[in-house]
PDB file of N, CA and C in Angstrom:
ATOM      1  N   UNK A   1     -13.268 -83.120  46.414  1.00  0.00           N
ATOM      2  CA  UNK A   1     -13.926 -81.970  46.670  1.00  0.00           C
ATOM      3  C   UNK A   1     -13.331 -80.769  47.748  1.00  0.00           C
ATOM      4  N   UNK A   2     -12.378 -81.501  47.724  1.00  0.00           N
ATOM      5  CA  UNK A   2     -11.181 -80.391  48.652  1.00  0.00           C
ATOM      6  C   UNK A   2     -10.028 -79.827  47.543  1.00  0.00           C
ATOM      7  N   UNK A   3     -10.558 -79.446  46.466  1.00  0.00           N
ATOM      8  CA  UNK A   3      -9.790 -78.447  45.895  1.00  0.00           C
ATOM      9  C   UNK A   3     -10.269 -77.494  46.032  1.00  0.00           C
ATOM     10  N   UNK A   4      -9.479 -76.669  46.267  1.00  0.00           N
ATOM     11  CA  UNK A   4      -9.442 -74.775  45.992  1.00  0.00           C
ATOM     12  C   UNK A   4      -9.797 -74.287  44.863  1.00  0.00           C
ATOM     13  N   UNK A   5     -10.929 -74.145  45.084  1.00  0.00           N
ATOM     14  CA  UNK A   5     -10.965 -73.027  43.069  1.00  0.00           C
ATOM     15  C   UNK A   5     -10.515 -71.628  43.279  1.00  0.00           C
ATOM     16  N   UNK A   6      -9.733 -71.261  42.680  1.00  0.00           N
ATOM     17  CA  UNK A   6      -9.472 -69.682  42.215  1.00  0.00           C
ATOM     18  C   UNK A   6     -11.310 -68.304  41.711  1.00  0.00           C
ATOM     19  N   UNK A   7     -10.797 -67.627  42.012  1.00  0.00           N
ATOM     20  CA  UNK A   7     -12.198 -67.146  41.431  1.00  0.00           C
ATOM     21  C   UNK A   7     -11.044 -67.000  39.810  1.00  0.00           C
ATOM     22  N   UNK A   8     -11.995 -66.203  39.288  1.00  0.00           N
ATOM     23  CA  UNK A   8     -12.086 -65.096  38.169  1.00  0.00           C
ATOM     24  C   UNK A   8     -11.564 -63.436  38.284  1.00  0.00           C
ATOM     25  N   UNK A   9     -11.290 -63.531  39.811  1.00  0.00           N
ATOM     26  CA  UNK A   9     -11.187 -62.284  39.380  1.00  0.00           C
ATOM     27  C   UNK A   9      -9.837 -61.895  40.204  1.00  0.00           C
ATOM     28  N   UNK A  10      -9.138 -62.563  40.697  1.00  0.00           N
ATOM     29  CA  UNK A  10      -7.450 -62.044  41.579  1.00  0.00           C
ATOM     30  C   UNK A  10      -8.905 -61.515  42.861  1.00  0.00           C
ATOM     31  N   UNK A  11      -7.799 -61.374  43.402  1.00  0.00           N
ATOM     32  CA  UNK A  11      -8.047 -61.243  44.937  1.00  0.00           C
ATOM     33  C   UNK A  11      -7.312 -59.443  45.358  1.00  0.00           C
ATOM     34  N   UNK A  12      -7.116 -59.287  46.587  1.00  0.00           N
ATOM     35  CA  UNK A  12      -7.121 -57.749  47.064  1.00  0.00           C
ATOM     36  C   UNK A  12      -5.273 -57.727  46.589  1.00  0.00           C
ATOM     37  N   UNK A  13      -4.635 -56.669  46.527  1.00  0.00           N
ATOM     38  CA  UNK A  13      -3.266 -56.226  45.964  1.00  0.00           C
ATOM     39  C   UNK A  13      -2.738 -55.516  47.366  1.00  0.00           C
ATOM     40  N   UNK A  14      -1.522 -55.924  47.247  1.00  0.00           N
ATOM     41  CA  UNK A  14      -1.414 -54.868  48.712  1.00  0.00           C
ATOM     42  C   UNK A  14      -0.952 -53.063  47.712  1.00  0.00           C
ATOM     43  N   UNK A  15      -1.468 -52.182  48.337  1.00  0.00           N
ATOM     44  CA  UNK A  15      -1.425 -50.718  47.134  1.00  0.00           C
ATOM     45  C   UNK A  15      -2.327 -50.418  46.156  1.00  0.00           C
ATOM     46  N   UNK A  16      -3.228 -51.380  46.189  1.00  0.00           N
ATOM     47  CA  UNK A  16      -4.628 -51.212  44.930  1.00  0.00           C
ATOM     48  C   UNK A  16      -5.748 -50.473  46.146  1.00  0.00           C
ATOM     49  N   UNK A  17      -6.216 -50.113  44.961  1.00  0.00           N
ATOM     50  CA  UNK A  17      -7.495 -49.268  45.659  1.00  0.00           C
ATOM     51  C   UNK A  17      -6.822 -47.694  46.549  1.00  0.00           C
ATOM     52  N   UNK A  18      -8.473 -46.873  46.445  1.00  0.00           N
ATOM     53  CA  UNK A  18      -7.607 -45.367  46.746  1.00  0.00           C
ATOM     54  C   UNK A  18      -7.167 -45.763  48.087  1.00  0.00           C
ATOM     55  N   UNK A  19      -6.376 -44.627  47.986  1.00  0.00           N
ATOM     56  CA  UNK A  19      -5.778 -44.169  49.694  1.00  0.00           C
ATOM     57  C   UNK A  19      -6.605 -43.252  49.953  1.00  0.00           C
ATOM     58  N   UNK A  20      -6.276 -43.574  51.757  1.00  0.00           N
ATOM     59  CA  UNK A  20      -7.391 -43.104  52.718  1.00  0.00           C
ATOM     60  C   UNK A  20      -6.607 -41.760  52.734  1.00  0.00           C
ATOM     61  N   UNK A  21      -7.775 -40.737  52.854  1.00  0.00           N
ATOM     62  CA  UNK A  21      -7.224 -39.664  53.451  1.00  0.00           C
ATOM     63  C   UNK A  21      -7.462 -38.991  54.772  1.00  0.00           C
ATOM     64  N   UNK A  22      -7.221 -37.810  54.952  1.00  0.00           N
ATOM     65  CA  UNK A  22      -7.249 -37.500  56.308  1.00  0.00           C
ATOM     66  C   UNK A  22      -8.515 -36.535  56.665  1.00  0.00           C
ATOM     67  N   UNK A  23      -9.267 -36.126  55.439  1.00  0.00           N
ATOM     68  CA  UNK A  23     -10.377 -35.067  55.466  1.00  0.00           C
ATOM     69  C   UNK A  23     -11.802 -35.381  55.595  1.00  0.00           C
ATOM     70  N   UNK A  24     -12.431 -35.472  55.939  1.00  0.00           N
ATOM     71  CA  UNK A  24     -13.512 -35.437  56.578  1.00  0.00           C
ATOM     72  C   UNK A  24     -14.665 -34.906  55.423  1.00  0.00           C
ATOM     73  N   UNK A  25     -15.871 -35.705  55.339  1.00  0.00           N
ATOM     74  CA  UNK A  25     -16.597 -34.883  54.321  1.00  0.00           C
ATOM     75  C   UNK A  25     -17.871 -34.067  55.527  1.00  0.00           C
ATOM     76  N   UNK A  26     -18.633 -32.459  55.301  1.00  0.00           N
ATOM     77  CA  UNK A  26     -19.262 -32.212  55.547  1.00  0.00           C
ATOM     78  C   UNK A  26     -20.331 -31.671  54.795  1.00  0.00           C
ATOM     79  N   UNK A  27     -22.143 -31.655  54.802  1.00  0.00           N
ATOM     80  CA  UNK A  27     -22.557 -31.207  54.298  1.00  0.00           C
ATOM     81  C   UNK A  27     -23.723 -29.967  54.575  1.00  0.00           C
ATOM     82  N   UNK A  28     -23.573 -28.815  55.037  1.00  0.00           N
ATOM     83  CA  UNK A  28     -24.293 -27.740  55.382  1.00  0.00           C
ATOM     84  C   UNK A  28     -25.356 -27.076  54.424  1.00  0.00           C
ATOM     85  N   UNK A  29     -26.856 -26.587  54.632  1.00  0.00           N
ATOM     86  CA  UNK A  29     -27.414 -25.544  54.017  1.00  0.00           C
ATOM     87  C   UNK A  29     -27.174 -24.343  54.348  1.00  0.00           C
ATOM     88  N   UNK A  30     -27.196 -23.793  53.403  1.00  0.00           N
ATOM     89  CA  UNK A  30     -26.398 -22.304  53.538  1.00  0.00           C
ATOM     90  C   UNK A  30     -27.497 -21.251  52.552  1.00  0.00           C
ATOM     91  N   UNK A  31     -27.476 -20.433  53.744  1.00  0.00           N
ATOM     92  CA  UNK A  31     -28.719 -18.884  53.125  1.00  0.00           C
ATOM     93  C   UNK A  31     -28.273 -18.414  52.412  1.00  0.00           C
ATOM     94  N   UNK A  32     -29.253 -17.813  51.426  1.00  0.00           N
ATOM     95  CA  UNK A  32     -28.674 -17.221  49.792  1.00  0.00           C
ATOM     96  C   UNK A  32     -27.532 -16.337  49.692  1.00  0.00           C
ATOM     97  N   UNK A  33     -27.235 -15.140  51.003  1.00  0.00           N
ATOM     98  CA  UNK A  33     -26.931 -14.255  51.147  1.00  0.00           C
ATOM     99  C   UNK A  33     -25.506 -15.243  51.134  1.00  0.00           C
ATOM    100  N   UNK A  34     -25.190 -16.652  51.990  1.00  0.00           N
ATOM    101  CA  UNK A  34     -24.117 -16.877  51.978  1.00  0.00           C
ATOM    102  C   UNK A  34     -23.900 -17.413  50.296  1.00  0.00           C
ATOM    103  N   UNK A  35     -25.160 -18.043  49.465  1.00  0.00           N
ATOM    104  CA  UNK A  35     -24.587 -18.565  48.487  1.00  0.00           C
ATOM    105  C   UNK A  35     -24.445 -18.418  47.559  1.00  0.00           C
ATOM    106  N   UNK A  36     -24.371 -16.281  47.615  1.00  0.00           N
ATOM    107  CA  UNK A  36     -24.301 -15.795  46.616  1.00  0.00           C
ATOM    108  C   UNK A  36     -22.865 -15.375  47.306  1.00  0.00           C
ATOM    109  N   UNK A  37     -22.475 -15.546  47.582  1.00  0.00           N
ATOM    110  CA  UNK A  37     -20.624 -15.686  48.188  1.00  0.00           C
ATOM    111  C   UNK A  37     -20.152 -16.685  47.414  1.00  0.00           C
ATOM    112  N   UNK A  38     -20.406 -17.729  47.928  1.00  0.00           N
ATOM    113  CA  UNK A  38     -19.901 -18.835  47.459  1.00  0.00           C
ATOM    114  C   UNK A  38     -19.905 -19.028  46.137  1.00  0.00           C
ATOM    115  N   UNK A  39     -20.602 -18.373  45.468  1.00  0.00           N
ATOM    116  CA  UNK A  39     -20.772 -18.743  43.674  1.00  0.00           C
ATOM    117  C   UNK A  39     -19.979 -18.242  43.207  1.00  0.00           C
ATOM    118  N   UNK A  40     -19.298 -16.890  43.839  1.00  0.00           N
ATOM    119  CA  UNK A  40     -18.390 -16.267  42.876  1.00  0.00           C
ATOM    120  C   UNK A  40     -17.095 -16.840  43.677  1.00  0.00           C
ATOM    121  N   UNK A  41     -16.666 -17.701  44.159  1.00  0.00           N
ATOM    122  CA  UNK A  41     -15.312 -18.174  44.518  1.00  0.00           C
ATOM    123  C   UNK A  41     -14.763 -19.839  43.562  1.00  0.00           C
ATOM    124  N   UNK A  42     -14.084 -19.367  43.307  1.00  0.00           N
ATOM    125  CA  UNK A  42     -13.900 -21.038  42.630  1.00  0.00           C
ATOM    126  C   UNK A  42     -12.901 -22.041  43.145  1.00  0.00           C
ATOM    127  N   UNK A  43     -12.134 -21.953  44.577  1.00  0.00           N
ATOM    128  CA  UNK A  43     -12.160 -23.074  45.070  1.00  0.00           C
ATOM    129  C   UNK A  43     -13.005 -23.052  46.429  1.00  0.00           C
ATOM    130  N   UNK A  44     -14.152 -23.416  46.820  1.00  0.00           N
ATOM    131  CA  UNK A  44     -14.994 -23.000  47.716  1.00  0.00           C
ATOM    132  C   UNK A  44     -14.580 -23.616  49.044  1.00  0.00           C
ATOM    133  N   UNK A  45     -13.487 -24.885  48.929  1.00  0.00           N
ATOM    134  CA  UNK A  45     -12.932 -25.789  50.277  1.00  0.00           C
ATOM    135  C   UNK A  45     -12.228 -25.072  50.591  1.00  0.00           C
ATOM    136  N   UNK A  46     -10.943 -23.835  50.111  1.00  0.00           N
ATOM    137  CA  UNK A  46     -10.475 -23.415  50.606  1.00  0.00           C
ATOM    138  C   UNK A  46     -10.752 -22.386  51.065  1.00  0.00           C
ATOM    139  N   UNK A  47     -12.046 -21.220  50.758  1.00  0.00           N
ATOM    140  CA  UNK A  47     -12.704 -20.430  51.014  1.00  0.00           C
ATOM    141  C   UNK A  47     -13.437 -20.748  52.308  1.00  0.00           C
ATOM    142  N   UNK A  48     -14.152 -21.756  52.748  1.00  0.00           N
ATOM    143  CA  UNK A  48     -14.363 -22.247  53.631  1.00  0.00           C
ATOM    144  C   UNK A  48     -14.161 -22.617  54.963  1.00  0.00           C
ATOM    145  N   UNK A  49     -12.678 -23.077  54.410  1.00  0.00           N
ATOM    146  CA  UNK A  49     -11.727 -23.793  55.012  1.00  0.00           C
ATOM    147  C   UNK A  49     -10.631 -22.402  55.866  1.00  0.00           C
ATOM    148  N   UNK A  50     -10.294 -21.668  55.053  1.00  0.00           N
ATOM    149  CA  UNK A  50      -9.584 -20.400  55.711  1.00  0.00           C
ATOM    150  C   UNK A  50     -10.327 -19.350  56.085  1.00  0.00           C
ATOM    151  N   UNK A  51     -12.393 -19.513  55.991  1.00  0.00           N
ATOM    152  CA  UNK A  51     -12.318 -18.512  57.532  1.00  0.00           C
ATOM    153  C   UNK A  51     -13.411 -19.554  58.533  1.00  0.00           C
ATOM    154  N   UNK A  52     -13.557 -20.302  58.658  1.00  0.00           N
ATOM    155  CA  UNK A  52     -13.260 -21.109  60.073  1.00  0.00           C
ATOM    156  C   UNK A  52     -12.681 -21.188  60.500  1.00  0.00           C
ATOM    157  N   UNK A  53     -11.285 -21.840  59.761  1.00  0.00           N
ATOM    158  CA  UNK A  53      -9.911 -20.852  61.387  1.00  0.00           C
ATOM    159  C   UNK A  53      -9.581 -19.729  61.414  1.00  0.00           C
ATOM    160  N   UNK A  54     -10.466 -18.717  60.594  1.00  0.00           N
ATOM    161  CA  UNK A  54      -9.930 -17.143  60.941  1.00  0.00           C
ATOM    162  C   UNK A  54     -11.123 -16.638  62.166  1.00  0.00           C
ATOM    163  N   UNK A  55     -12.628 -17.096  62.087  1.00  0.00           N
ATOM    164  CA  UNK A  55     -13.530 -17.139  62.736  1.00  0.00           C
ATOM    165  C   UNK A  55     -12.843 -17.517  64.063  1.00  0.00           C
ATOM    166  N   UNK A  56     -13.105 -18.922  64.003  1.00  0.00           N
ATOM    167  CA  UNK A  56     -11.915 -19.763  65.329  1.00  0.00           C
ATOM    168  C   UNK A  56     -10.969 -19.214  66.048  1.00  0.00           C
ATOM    169  N   UNK A  57     -10.105 -18.829  65.262  1.00  0.00           N
ATOM    170  CA  UNK A  57      -9.075 -17.922  65.828  1.00  0.00           C
ATOM    171  C   UNK A  57      -9.237 -16.310  67.062  1.00  0.00           C
ATOM    172  N   UNK A  58     -10.240 -15.954  65.870  1.00  0.00           N
ATOM    173  CA  UNK A  58     -10.828 -14.404  66.487  1.00  0.00           C
ATOM    174  C   UNK A  58     -11.521 -14.753  68.422  1.00  0.00           C
ATOM    175  N   UNK A  59     -12.288 -16.039  67.912  1.00  0.00           N
ATOM    176  CA  UNK A  59     -13.087 -16.313  69.364  1.00  0.00           C
ATOM    177  C   UNK A  59     -12.231 -17.538  70.278  1.00  0.00           C
ATOM    178  N   UNK A  60     -11.328 -17.670  70.504  1.00  0.00           N
ATOM    179  CA  UNK A  60     -10.014 -18.080  70.978  1.00  0.00           C
ATOM    180  C   UNK A  60     -10.354 -19.774  70.497  1.00  0.00           C
ATOM    181  N   UNK A  61     -11.074 -20.272  70.065  1.00  0.00           N
ATOM    182  CA  UNK A  61     -10.669 -21.479  70.454  1.00  0.00           C
ATOM    183  C   UNK A  61      -9.781 -22.511  69.725  1.00  0.00           C
ATOM    184  N   UNK A  62      -8.953 -21.780  69.057  1.00  0.00           N
ATOM    185  CA  UNK A  62      -7.494 -22.251  68.539  1.00  0.00           C
ATOM    186  C   UNK A  62      -6.655 -21.767  68.442  1.00  0.00           C
TER     187      UNK A  62
END
């Protein structure tokens, strides 16, 4: 009964799996006028990030 049983699926391996990211996901409800703008944009993530950074600079937040 002191035998060690080995599982059939191996174990954890160094470097396996998805790499961790520094990005954080946000979800929000956008009004209709904002939706119409976002629907015209190919890369929504970059567009939103650039808009937030620009407004934050204008308001002296960064």
